[in-house]
Amino acid sequence: MVFNQSGWNVGKVYNIAGDLRLTDRSSPREFTEALNELRSRLRALEDVPDAALAAMDAELAQAALAADTHDGEDATDDAATGDDATGDGPVPGDDIVAGRLTRVANRLRALGTATAAASELGTSLDTMAQWVGHHL
């Protein structure tokens, strides 16, 4: 892929999976949309046992839920306590979301019957975990 943007400052671009990209300006909502697309790709894997797919999908659903709590947060959230500025209670840390993505990525790669699609999906989840660590 060629980016010819002379004189532009585009920042970091995280190429998640071909047509799925996140940038340093992507919102938690855009992250969740990309994650949900990867979840649909996970559910479409045919050579992975149903129980394993269900467990990994549940883990990704929890990651999406945790990321959704970041959407619309106020910049005055108290990072030290994990409480948000509205007083609604704890805000899940980015490490929780990234940890869930990394665990699923590792499980995909550990499958003895994993296809190239499962391995690629694991790589995509690792890339998303990196984005979370820097931008969520």
Protein backbone atom coordinates (compact mmCIF):
# COMPACT_ATOMS: atom_id res chain seq x y z
CA MET A 1 0.00 0.00 0.00
CA VAL A 2 1.36 3.44 -0.88
CA PHE A 3 0.73 6.59 1.14
CA ASN A 4 1.63 9.69 -0.86
CA GLN A 5 0.75 12.55 1.46
CA SER A 6 3.56 15.01 0.98
CA GLY A 7 3.59 17.65 3.69
CA TRP A 8 0.87 15.95 5.74
CA ASN A 9 1.31 14.83 9.31
CA VAL A 10 -0.84 11.69 9.47
CA GLY A 11 0.51 10.35 12.76
CA LYS A 12 0.48 6.65 13.48
CA VAL A 13 -1.70 4.30 11.46
CA TYR A 14 -2.41 0.84 12.85
CA ASN A 15 -3.31 -1.47 9.97
CA ILE A 16 -5.46 -3.99 11.80
CA ALA A 17 -6.56 -6.26 8.97
CA GLY A 18 -6.47 -4.99 5.41
CA ASP A 19 -9.45 -2.65 5.39
CA LEU A 20 -9.53 -2.13 9.17
CA ARG A 21 -7.35 0.71 10.40
CA LEU A 22 -7.05 2.76 13.55
CA THR A 23 -5.09 5.97 13.91
CA ASP A 24 -3.92 8.02 16.85
CA ARG A 25 -7.13 10.03 16.38
CA SER A 26 -9.52 7.06 16.32
CA SER A 27 -12.20 7.07 19.00
CA PRO A 28 -13.15 4.26 21.37
CA ARG A 29 -16.28 3.83 19.22
CA GLU A 30 -14.15 3.25 16.11
CA PHE A 31 -12.08 0.75 18.10
CA THR A 32 -15.24 -1.11 19.12
CA GLU A 33 -16.49 -1.18 15.53
CA ALA A 34 -13.20 -2.67 14.34
CA LEU A 35 -13.21 -5.16 17.20
CA ASN A 36 -16.76 -6.24 16.36
CA GLU A 37 -15.67 -6.85 12.76
CA LEU A 38 -12.86 -9.07 14.04
CA ARG A 39 -15.36 -10.90 16.25
CA SER A 40 -17.46 -11.70 13.21
CA ARG A 41 -14.35 -12.99 11.44
CA LEU A 42 -13.54 -15.12 14.49
CA ARG A 43 -17.02 -16.67 14.50
CA ALA A 44 -16.58 -17.53 10.80
CA LEU A 45 -13.50 -19.71 11.42
CA GLU A 46 -14.46 -23.24 10.46
CA ASP A 47 -11.65 -25.42 11.81
CA VAL A 48 -11.75 -24.19 15.41
CA PRO A 49 -13.88 -26.07 17.96
CA ASP A 50 -17.15 -24.34 18.81
CA ALA A 51 -16.36 -24.22 22.53
CA ALA A 52 -13.05 -22.46 21.85
CA LEU A 53 -14.74 -19.99 19.50
CA ALA A 54 -17.42 -19.23 22.08
CA ALA A 55 -14.85 -18.65 24.83
CA MET A 56 -12.73 -16.35 22.64
CA ASP A 57 -15.79 -14.45 21.40
CA ALA A 58 -16.94 -13.92 25.00
CA GLU A 59 -13.50 -12.56 25.90
CA LEU A 60 -13.64 -10.13 22.95
CA ALA A 61 -17.19 -9.10 23.91
CA GLN A 62 -15.89 -8.18 27.36
CA ALA A 63 -13.07 -6.17 25.76
CA ALA A 64 -15.61 -4.31 23.61
CA LEU A 65 -17.75 -3.59 26.67
CA ALA A 66 -14.78 -2.27 28.62
CA ALA A 67 -13.73 -0.08 25.68
CA ASP A 68 -17.27 1.30 25.36
CA THR A 69 -17.00 2.70 28.88
CA HIS A 70 -14.19 4.96 27.60
CA ASP A 71 -16.46 6.52 24.97
CA GLY A 72 -17.39 10.03 26.05
CA GLU A 73 -15.18 10.10 29.12
CA ASP A 74 -14.22 13.48 30.43
CA ALA A 75 -10.55 14.47 30.26
CA THR A 76 -10.61 15.08 34.02
CA ASP A 77 -10.96 11.38 34.89
CA ASP A 78 -8.81 10.49 37.86
CA ALA A 79 -6.24 8.02 36.54
CA ALA A 80 -4.85 7.40 40.00
CA THR A 81 -8.11 6.05 41.44
CA GLY A 82 -9.71 4.79 38.23
CA ASP A 83 -12.82 6.84 38.99
CA ASP A 84 -14.38 8.97 36.32
CA ALA A 85 -15.13 12.65 36.79
CA THR A 86 -18.89 12.03 36.79
CA GLY A 87 -18.63 9.94 39.96
CA ASP A 88 -20.20 6.94 38.23
CA GLY A 89 -17.51 4.61 39.53
CA PRO A 90 -14.42 2.83 38.30
CA VAL A 91 -13.31 3.03 34.70
CA PRO A 92 -11.70 -0.17 33.36
CA GLY A 93 -8.02 0.31 32.67
CA ASP A 94 -6.63 0.07 29.19
CA ASP A 95 -4.54 -2.87 30.36
CA ILE A 96 -7.74 -4.88 30.89
CA VAL A 97 -8.80 -4.35 27.29
CA ALA A 98 -5.31 -4.95 25.89
CA GLY A 99 -4.91 -8.03 28.09
CA ARG A 100 -8.12 -9.57 26.76
CA LEU A 101 -7.04 -8.96 23.16
CA THR A 102 -3.62 -10.45 23.79
CA ARG A 103 -5.07 -13.54 25.51
CA VAL A 104 -7.34 -14.26 22.56
CA ALA A 105 -4.49 -13.66 20.10
CA ASN A 106 -2.33 -16.15 22.01
CA ARG A 107 -5.14 -18.73 22.08
CA LEU A 108 -5.62 -18.40 18.33
CA ARG A 109 -1.95 -18.99 17.68
CA ALA A 110 -1.85 -21.91 20.15
CA LEU A 111 -4.57 -23.86 18.34
CA GLY A 112 -2.99 -26.94 16.84
CA THR A 113 -5.39 -26.87 13.88
CA ALA A 114 -5.29 -23.13 13.37
CA THR A 115 -5.48 -21.99 9.79
CA ALA A 116 -3.71 -19.00 8.36
CA ALA A 117 -6.94 -17.05 8.97
CA ALA A 118 -6.79 -17.79 12.72
CA SER A 119 -3.14 -16.79 12.86
CA GLU A 120 -3.81 -13.56 10.95
CA LEU A 121 -6.67 -12.79 13.30
CA GLY A 122 -4.28 -13.22 16.23
CA THR A 123 -1.88 -10.74 14.65
CA SER A 124 -4.74 -8.28 14.12
CA LEU A 125 -5.70 -8.54 17.79
CA ASP A 126 -2.09 -7.89 18.82
CA THR A 127 -2.08 -4.73 16.69
CA MET A 128 -5.32 -3.60 18.33
CA ALA A 129 -3.80 -4.25 21.76
CA GLN A 130 -0.90 -1.96 20.83
CA TRP A 131 -3.39 0.76 19.79
CA VAL A 132 -5.23 0.39 23.09
CA GLY A 133 -1.99 0.80 25.03
CA HIS A 134 -1.35 4.14 23.37
CA HIS A 135 -4.73 5.66 22.53
CA LEU A 136 -7.71 4.28 24.48
